[in-house]
């Protein structure tokens, strides 16, 4: 994929849609495009989080260890980001992310991701909003499970 095609693909991701051309080019240049096959693991719960993944094509399933095995908690698809919680909160991975089908992701290192957040308030706000929504969803699931 050419740099121009990568920039266009990034522009179509809601999280990055407000970035100007130069920032999109920098993001495309400093990140790695990776293809995973179905059932391949992107990251495991408990590992140190060094990268975030923007899903460009395909879907992932998110699992947590329930004590009795892996529990599917949610799924994400194209245009969504996974792995950012460990980076932003500086904690070990909170879940295991597994490719549900053939998957193309943009792997963004912690340093690049943090520079992006520091230099682009609109991206930082979008990430904070996404994290807050995930916490809210988790609380609702916990309340349903306890009642």
N, C-alpha and C. Protein backbone atom coordinates (compact mmCIF):
# COMPACT_ATOMS: atom_id res chain seq x y z
N UNK A 1 0.85 -1.17 0.00
CA UNK A 1 0.00 0.00 0.00
C UNK A 1 0.90 1.24 0.00
N UNK A 2 0.59 2.19 -0.84
CA UNK A 2 1.39 3.42 -0.93
C UNK A 2 1.08 4.32 0.26
N UNK A 3 1.95 5.28 0.50
CA UNK A 3 1.73 6.25 1.59
C UNK A 3 0.42 7.00 1.38
N UNK A 4 0.13 7.36 0.15
CA UNK A 4 -1.12 8.06 -0.16
C UNK A 4 -2.33 7.21 0.20
N UNK A 5 -2.27 5.91 -0.12
CA UNK A 5 -3.38 5.00 0.22
C UNK A 5 -3.51 4.83 1.73
N UNK A 6 -2.37 4.75 2.42
CA UNK A 6 -2.39 4.63 3.87
C UNK A 6 -3.02 5.86 4.51
N UNK A 7 -2.65 7.04 4.03
CA UNK A 7 -3.20 8.30 4.55
C UNK A 7 -4.71 8.33 4.32
N UNK A 8 -5.16 7.92 3.15
CA UNK A 8 -6.60 7.89 2.85
C UNK A 8 -7.33 6.93 3.78
N UNK A 9 -6.73 5.77 4.01
CA UNK A 9 -7.35 4.79 4.91
C UNK A 9 -7.45 5.36 6.32
N UNK A 10 -6.40 6.04 6.78
CA UNK A 10 -6.42 6.64 8.12
C UNK A 10 -7.46 7.76 8.21
N UNK A 11 -7.59 8.53 7.16
CA UNK A 11 -8.55 9.64 7.14
C UNK A 11 -9.99 9.13 7.34
N UNK A 12 -10.24 7.89 6.92
CA UNK A 12 -11.58 7.30 7.05
C UNK A 12 -11.86 6.73 8.44
N UNK A 13 -10.85 6.73 9.31
CA UNK A 13 -11.03 6.29 10.69
C UNK A 13 -11.49 7.49 11.51
N UNK A 14 -12.64 7.39 12.15
CA UNK A 14 -13.22 8.51 12.88
C UNK A 14 -12.22 9.14 13.85
N UNK A 15 -11.47 8.33 14.55
CA UNK A 15 -10.50 8.83 15.53
C UNK A 15 -9.49 9.79 14.91
N UNK A 16 -9.14 9.56 13.64
CA UNK A 16 -8.10 10.36 12.99
C UNK A 16 -8.65 11.34 11.96
N UNK A 17 -9.94 11.40 11.78
CA UNK A 17 -10.53 12.21 10.70
C UNK A 17 -10.24 13.70 10.82
N UNK A 18 -9.95 14.19 12.02
CA UNK A 18 -9.68 15.62 12.20
C UNK A 18 -8.21 15.98 12.01
N UNK A 19 -7.35 14.98 11.82
CA UNK A 19 -5.92 15.25 11.65
C UNK A 19 -5.63 15.83 10.27
N UNK A 20 -4.66 16.75 10.24
CA UNK A 20 -4.27 17.30 8.95
C UNK A 20 -3.37 16.31 8.20
N UNK A 21 -3.15 16.60 6.94
CA UNK A 21 -2.40 15.71 6.05
C UNK A 21 -1.02 15.34 6.60
N UNK A 22 -0.30 16.31 7.14
CA UNK A 22 1.06 16.04 7.63
C UNK A 22 1.05 15.08 8.81
N UNK A 23 0.08 15.22 9.71
CA UNK A 23 0.00 14.32 10.86
C UNK A 23 -0.43 12.92 10.42
N UNK A 24 -1.30 12.83 9.45
CA UNK A 24 -1.70 11.53 8.92
C UNK A 24 -0.51 10.83 8.26
N UNK A 25 0.28 11.58 7.51
CA UNK A 25 1.47 11.00 6.87
C UNK A 25 2.46 10.51 7.92
N UNK A 26 2.67 11.31 8.96
CA UNK A 26 3.59 10.92 10.03
C UNK A 26 3.09 9.66 10.73
N UNK A 27 1.80 9.60 10.99
CA UNK A 27 1.22 8.43 11.64
C UNK A 27 1.38 7.19 10.75
N UNK A 28 1.10 7.32 9.47
CA UNK A 28 1.25 6.20 8.54
C UNK A 28 2.71 5.75 8.46
N UNK A 29 3.62 6.70 8.45
CA UNK A 29 5.04 6.39 8.32
C UNK A 29 5.61 5.73 9.57
N UNK A 30 5.13 6.14 10.75
CA UNK A 30 5.71 5.65 12.00
C UNK A 30 4.98 4.44 12.57
N UNK A 31 3.94 3.99 11.90
CA UNK A 31 3.17 2.84 12.38
C UNK A 31 3.37 1.66 11.44
N UNK A 32 2.96 0.50 11.91
CA UNK A 32 3.17 -0.74 11.14
C UNK A 32 1.83 -1.38 10.79
N UNK A 33 1.67 -1.70 9.51
CA UNK A 33 0.46 -2.40 9.05
C UNK A 33 0.72 -3.89 9.19
N UNK A 34 -0.18 -4.60 9.89
CA UNK A 34 0.00 -6.03 10.14
C UNK A 34 -1.28 -6.76 9.78
N UNK A 35 -1.13 -7.94 9.18
CA UNK A 35 -2.26 -8.80 8.89
C UNK A 35 -2.21 -10.01 9.82
N UNK A 36 -3.33 -10.30 10.46
CA UNK A 36 -3.48 -11.47 11.32
C UNK A 36 -4.51 -12.40 10.70
N UNK A 37 -4.35 -13.68 10.94
CA UNK A 37 -5.34 -14.67 10.51
C UNK A 37 -6.31 -14.93 11.65
N UNK A 38 -7.45 -15.52 11.33
CA UNK A 38 -8.44 -15.85 12.35
C UNK A 38 -7.79 -16.64 13.48
N UNK A 39 -8.16 -16.30 14.70
CA UNK A 39 -7.71 -16.95 15.94
C UNK A 39 -6.31 -16.56 16.38
N UNK A 40 -5.63 -15.69 15.64
CA UNK A 40 -4.32 -15.21 16.10
C UNK A 40 -4.53 -14.17 17.20
N UNK A 41 -3.62 -14.19 18.19
CA UNK A 41 -3.71 -13.28 19.33
C UNK A 41 -2.88 -12.03 19.06
N UNK A 42 -3.52 -10.86 19.23
CA UNK A 42 -2.82 -9.58 19.08
C UNK A 42 -2.09 -9.24 20.37
N UNK A 43 -2.78 -9.41 21.50
CA UNK A 43 -2.17 -9.14 22.80
C UNK A 43 -2.90 -9.95 23.86
N UNK A 44 -2.17 -10.26 24.95
CA UNK A 44 -2.72 -11.11 26.00
C UNK A 44 -2.91 -10.33 27.29
N UNK A 45 -3.99 -10.66 27.98
CA UNK A 45 -4.28 -10.07 29.28
C UNK A 45 -3.09 -10.27 30.21
N UNK A 46 -2.70 -9.21 30.91
CA UNK A 46 -1.60 -9.28 31.86
C UNK A 46 -0.25 -8.86 31.29
N UNK A 47 -0.10 -8.88 29.96
CA UNK A 47 1.16 -8.46 29.34
C UNK A 47 1.34 -6.95 29.48
N UNK A 48 2.58 -6.52 29.37
CA UNK A 48 2.86 -5.09 29.33
C UNK A 48 2.37 -4.54 27.99
N UNK A 49 1.67 -3.42 28.05
CA UNK A 49 1.12 -2.82 26.83
C UNK A 49 2.08 -1.83 26.21
N UNK A 50 2.59 -2.17 25.04
CA UNK A 50 3.53 -1.29 24.35
C UNK A 50 2.97 -0.74 23.04
N UNK A 51 1.80 -1.24 22.62
CA UNK A 51 1.24 -0.85 21.33
C UNK A 51 -0.28 -0.76 21.42
N UNK A 52 -0.84 0.08 20.57
CA UNK A 52 -2.29 0.12 20.35
C UNK A 52 -2.52 -0.33 18.92
N UNK A 53 -3.71 -0.82 18.65
CA UNK A 53 -4.03 -1.36 17.33
C UNK A 53 -5.30 -0.70 16.80
N UNK A 54 -5.20 -0.09 15.63
CA UNK A 54 -6.37 0.45 14.96
C UNK A 54 -6.82 -0.60 13.95
N UNK A 55 -8.06 -1.04 14.07
CA UNK A 55 -8.59 -2.07 13.18
C UNK A 55 -8.96 -1.42 11.85
N UNK A 56 -8.26 -1.81 10.81
CA UNK A 56 -8.51 -1.27 9.47
C UNK A 56 -9.50 -2.14 8.70
N UNK A 57 -9.38 -3.46 8.86
CA UNK A 57 -10.30 -4.42 8.22
C UNK A 57 -10.43 -5.62 9.14
N UNK A 58 -11.64 -6.17 9.22
CA UNK A 58 -11.86 -7.37 10.03
C UNK A 58 -12.41 -7.06 11.40
N UNK A 59 -12.42 -8.10 12.24
CA UNK A 59 -13.01 -7.99 13.57
C UNK A 59 -12.15 -8.71 14.60
N UNK A 60 -12.25 -8.26 15.85
CA UNK A 60 -11.57 -8.92 16.96
C UNK A 60 -12.59 -9.24 18.05
N UNK A 61 -12.27 -10.27 18.82
CA UNK A 61 -13.03 -10.59 20.02
C UNK A 61 -12.15 -10.27 21.22
N UNK A 62 -12.79 -9.75 22.26
CA UNK A 62 -12.08 -9.34 23.47
C UNK A 62 -12.48 -10.29 24.60
N UNK A 63 -11.48 -10.93 25.21
CA UNK A 63 -11.71 -11.90 26.27
C UNK A 63 -11.03 -11.45 27.56
N UNK A 64 -11.63 -11.81 28.69
CA UNK A 64 -10.98 -11.64 29.99
C UNK A 64 -10.98 -13.00 30.69
N UNK A 65 -10.01 -13.18 31.56
CA UNK A 65 -9.92 -14.41 32.34
C UNK A 65 -10.95 -14.35 33.46
N UNK A 66 -11.90 -15.27 33.45
CA UNK A 66 -12.96 -15.27 34.46
C UNK A 66 -12.63 -16.15 35.65
N UNK A 67 -11.48 -16.79 35.64
CA UNK A 67 -11.16 -17.76 36.68
C UNK A 67 -11.55 -19.16 36.26
N UNK A 68 -12.61 -19.25 35.45
CA UNK A 68 -13.08 -20.53 34.91
C UNK A 68 -12.75 -20.65 33.43
N UNK A 69 -11.88 -19.79 32.94
CA UNK A 69 -11.54 -19.78 31.52
C UNK A 69 -11.74 -18.41 30.92
N UNK A 70 -11.62 -18.34 29.62
CA UNK A 70 -11.75 -17.07 28.91
C UNK A 70 -13.22 -16.73 28.68
N UNK A 71 -13.60 -15.50 29.02
CA UNK A 71 -14.97 -15.03 28.86
C UNK A 71 -14.99 -13.95 27.79
N UNK A 72 -15.79 -14.15 26.74
CA UNK A 72 -15.94 -13.15 25.68
C UNK A 72 -16.74 -11.99 26.25
N UNK A 73 -16.14 -10.78 26.23
CA UNK A 73 -16.84 -9.62 26.79
C UNK A 73 -17.36 -8.67 25.73
N UNK A 74 -16.68 -8.60 24.59
CA UNK A 74 -17.15 -7.72 23.52
C UNK A 74 -16.39 -8.02 22.24
N UNK A 75 -16.78 -7.36 21.19
CA UNK A 75 -16.10 -7.47 19.90
C UNK A 75 -15.93 -6.07 19.33
N UNK A 76 -14.93 -5.90 18.48
CA UNK A 76 -14.70 -4.62 17.81
C UNK A 76 -14.41 -4.88 16.35
N UNK A 77 -14.69 -3.86 15.52
CA UNK A 77 -14.49 -4.00 14.09
C UNK A 77 -13.75 -2.82 13.49
N UNK A 78 -13.78 -2.75 12.19
CA UNK A 78 -13.05 -1.72 11.44
C UNK A 78 -13.37 -0.33 11.97
N UNK A 79 -12.31 0.45 12.12
CA UNK A 79 -12.45 1.83 12.58
C UNK A 79 -12.28 1.99 14.07
N UNK A 80 -12.20 0.88 14.80
CA UNK A 80 -12.07 0.95 16.25
C UNK A 80 -10.63 0.69 16.67
N UNK A 81 -10.33 1.10 17.90
CA UNK A 81 -8.98 0.94 18.44
C UNK A 81 -9.03 0.00 19.63
N UNK A 82 -8.01 -0.84 19.75
CA UNK A 82 -7.88 -1.74 20.90
C UNK A 82 -6.45 -1.64 21.42
N UNK A 83 -6.30 -1.95 22.70
CA UNK A 83 -4.97 -1.93 23.30
C UNK A 83 -4.56 -0.60 23.88
N UNK A 84 -5.40 0.40 23.72
CA UNK A 84 -5.03 1.74 24.18
C UNK A 84 -5.13 1.89 25.69
N UNK A 85 -5.95 1.09 26.35
CA UNK A 85 -6.12 1.22 27.80
C UNK A 85 -4.79 1.02 28.52
N UNK A 86 -4.05 -0.01 28.15
CA UNK A 86 -2.77 -0.28 28.81
C UNK A 86 -1.78 0.86 28.61
N UNK A 87 -1.83 1.49 27.46
CA UNK A 87 -0.91 2.60 27.17
C UNK A 87 -1.31 3.85 27.94
N UNK A 88 -2.57 4.24 27.83
CA UNK A 88 -3.03 5.48 28.45
C UNK A 88 -2.99 5.39 29.97
N UNK A 89 -3.39 4.24 30.52
CA UNK A 89 -3.46 4.08 31.97
C UNK A 89 -2.17 3.52 32.57
N UNK A 90 -1.21 3.14 31.73
CA UNK A 90 0.07 2.58 32.15
C UNK A 90 -0.14 1.38 33.09
N UNK A 91 -0.96 0.44 32.62
CA UNK A 91 -1.25 -0.79 33.35
C UNK A 91 -1.03 -1.98 32.42
N UNK A 92 -0.93 -3.19 32.98
CA UNK A 92 -0.85 -4.37 32.11
C UNK A 92 -2.13 -4.50 31.27
N UNK A 93 -2.05 -5.26 30.20
CA UNK A 93 -3.21 -5.48 29.33
C UNK A 93 -4.39 -5.96 30.17
N UNK A 94 -5.54 -5.36 29.94
CA UNK A 94 -6.74 -5.70 30.71
C UNK A 94 -7.56 -6.81 30.07
N UNK A 95 -7.18 -7.22 28.87
CA UNK A 95 -7.92 -8.27 28.16
C UNK A 95 -7.03 -8.89 27.09
N UNK A 96 -7.48 -10.02 26.58
CA UNK A 96 -6.84 -10.68 25.45
C UNK A 96 -7.63 -10.35 24.19
N UNK A 97 -6.92 -9.96 23.14
CA UNK A 97 -7.56 -9.58 21.88
C UNK A 97 -7.20 -10.63 20.83
N UNK A 98 -8.24 -11.21 20.21
CA UNK A 98 -8.06 -12.30 19.25
C UNK A 98 -8.75 -11.95 17.93
N UNK A 99 -8.06 -12.17 16.82
CA UNK A 99 -8.66 -11.94 15.50
C UNK A 99 -9.81 -12.94 15.30
N UNK A 100 -10.98 -12.43 14.95
CA UNK A 100 -12.13 -13.30 14.67
C UNK A 100 -12.05 -13.84 13.24
N UNK A 101 -11.52 -13.03 12.34
CA UNK A 101 -11.38 -13.39 10.93
C UNK A 101 -10.10 -12.72 10.44
N UNK A 102 -9.84 -12.78 9.14
CA UNK A 102 -8.63 -12.10 8.66
C UNK A 102 -8.72 -10.64 9.07
N UNK A 103 -7.63 -10.12 9.57
CA UNK A 103 -7.62 -8.82 10.22
C UNK A 103 -6.43 -8.00 9.74
N UNK A 104 -6.68 -6.74 9.43
CA UNK A 104 -5.60 -5.81 9.11
C UNK A 104 -5.65 -4.70 10.15
N UNK A 105 -4.52 -4.49 10.83
CA UNK A 105 -4.46 -3.45 11.85
C UNK A 105 -3.29 -2.52 11.58
N UNK A 106 -3.40 -1.34 12.14
CA UNK A 106 -2.29 -0.41 12.17
C UNK A 106 -1.77 -0.44 13.60
N UNK A 107 -0.55 -0.94 13.77
CA UNK A 107 0.06 -1.06 15.09
C UNK A 107 0.81 0.24 15.39
N UNK A 108 0.40 0.92 16.47
CA UNK A 108 0.98 2.20 16.86
C UNK A 108 1.73 2.01 18.17
N UNK A 109 3.01 2.34 18.19
CA UNK A 109 3.78 2.17 19.41
C UNK A 109 3.31 3.15 20.49
N UNK A 110 3.64 2.82 21.72
CA UNK A 110 3.26 3.67 22.86
C UNK A 110 3.78 5.08 22.68
N UNK A 111 5.04 5.23 22.28
CA UNK A 111 5.63 6.57 22.11
C UNK A 111 4.88 7.39 21.06
N UNK A 112 4.61 6.79 19.92
CA UNK A 112 3.89 7.50 18.85
C UNK A 112 2.47 7.84 19.30
N UNK A 113 1.81 6.89 19.96
CA UNK A 113 0.44 7.11 20.42
C UNK A 113 0.39 8.26 21.43
N UNK A 114 1.32 8.27 22.37
CA UNK A 114 1.33 9.33 23.39
C UNK A 114 1.66 10.69 22.75
N UNK A 115 2.56 10.72 21.78
CA UNK A 115 2.85 11.97 21.07
C UNK A 115 1.61 12.46 20.33
N UNK A 116 0.87 11.53 19.75
CA UNK A 116 -0.36 11.88 19.04
C UNK A 116 -1.37 12.50 20.01
N UNK A 117 -1.52 11.89 21.18
CA UNK A 117 -2.46 12.42 22.18
C UNK A 117 -2.02 13.79 22.68
N UNK A 118 -0.72 13.95 22.92
CA UNK A 118 -0.21 15.23 23.42
C UNK A 118 -0.34 16.34 22.38
N UNK A 119 -0.17 16.01 21.11
CA UNK A 119 -0.18 17.02 20.07
C UNK A 119 -1.52 17.28 19.42
N UNK A 120 -2.50 16.43 19.71
CA UNK A 120 -3.81 16.54 19.05
C UNK A 120 -4.92 16.39 20.09
N UNK A 121 -5.33 17.50 20.69
CA UNK A 121 -6.36 17.41 21.74
C UNK A 121 -7.64 16.72 21.28
N UNK A 122 -8.01 16.89 20.00
CA UNK A 122 -9.24 16.26 19.53
C UNK A 122 -9.14 14.74 19.53
N UNK A 123 -7.94 14.21 19.26
CA UNK A 123 -7.74 12.76 19.32
C UNK A 123 -7.74 12.31 20.78
N UNK A 124 -7.08 13.08 21.65
CA UNK A 124 -7.06 12.75 23.07
C UNK A 124 -8.47 12.70 23.64
N UNK A 125 -9.30 13.67 23.29
CA UNK A 125 -10.68 13.69 23.78
C UNK A 125 -11.45 12.48 23.26
N UNK A 126 -11.25 12.12 22.01
CA UNK A 126 -11.94 10.96 21.44
C UNK A 126 -11.52 9.68 22.16
N UNK A 127 -10.24 9.54 22.49
CA UNK A 127 -9.76 8.36 23.20
C UNK A 127 -10.33 8.33 24.61
N UNK A 128 -10.33 9.47 25.29
CA UNK A 128 -10.91 9.54 26.64
C UNK A 128 -12.39 9.16 26.60
N UNK A 129 -13.10 9.67 25.62
CA UNK A 129 -14.52 9.35 25.47
C UNK A 129 -14.72 7.84 25.28
N UNK A 130 -13.89 7.23 24.44
CA UNK A 130 -13.99 5.79 24.19
C UNK A 130 -13.71 5.00 25.47
N UNK A 131 -12.68 5.40 26.21
CA UNK A 131 -12.36 4.72 27.47
C UNK A 131 -13.52 4.85 28.45
N UNK A 132 -14.11 6.04 28.55
CA UNK A 132 -15.24 6.25 29.46
C UNK A 132 -16.43 5.39 29.07
N UNK A 133 -16.70 5.28 27.77
CA UNK A 133 -17.81 4.43 27.32
C UNK A 133 -17.56 2.96 27.66
N UNK A 134 -16.32 2.53 27.54
CA UNK A 134 -16.01 1.14 27.87
C UNK A 134 -16.16 0.88 29.37
N UNK A 135 -15.74 1.84 30.19
CA UNK A 135 -15.94 1.70 31.64
C UNK A 135 -17.43 1.64 31.95
N UNK A 136 -18.20 2.52 31.34
CA UNK A 136 -19.64 2.54 31.55
C UNK A 136 -20.28 1.21 31.14
N UNK A 137 -19.88 0.68 30.00
CA UNK A 137 -20.40 -0.62 29.56
C UNK A 137 -20.03 -1.72 30.54
N UNK A 138 -18.80 -1.67 31.06
CA UNK A 138 -18.35 -2.67 32.03
C UNK A 138 -19.16 -2.61 33.32
N UNK A 139 -19.45 -1.41 33.78
CA UNK A 139 -20.26 -1.24 35.00
C UNK A 139 -21.66 -1.80 34.77
N UNK A 140 -22.24 -1.49 33.63
CA UNK A 140 -23.59 -2.00 33.33
C UNK A 140 -23.61 -3.52 33.27
N UNK A 141 -22.58 -4.11 32.66
CA UNK A 141 -22.51 -5.58 32.60
C UNK A 141 -22.39 -6.17 33.99
N UNK A 142 -21.56 -5.55 34.83
CA UNK A 142 -21.37 -6.04 36.19
C UNK A 142 -22.66 -5.95 36.99
N UNK A 143 -23.39 -4.86 36.82
CA UNK A 143 -24.66 -4.69 37.54
C UNK A 143 -25.69 -5.73 37.09
N UNK A 144 -25.72 -6.01 35.79
CA UNK A 144 -26.64 -7.04 35.28
C UNK A 144 -26.28 -8.41 35.82
N UNK A 145 -24.97 -8.66 35.93
CA UNK A 145 -24.51 -9.96 36.41
C UNK A 145 -24.73 -10.17 37.89
N UNK A 146 -24.82 -9.08 38.66
CA UNK A 146 -24.97 -9.22 40.11
C UNK A 146 -26.43 -9.18 40.55
N UNK A 147 -27.34 -8.86 39.62
CA UNK A 147 -28.74 -8.71 40.01
C UNK A 147 -29.55 -9.84 39.63
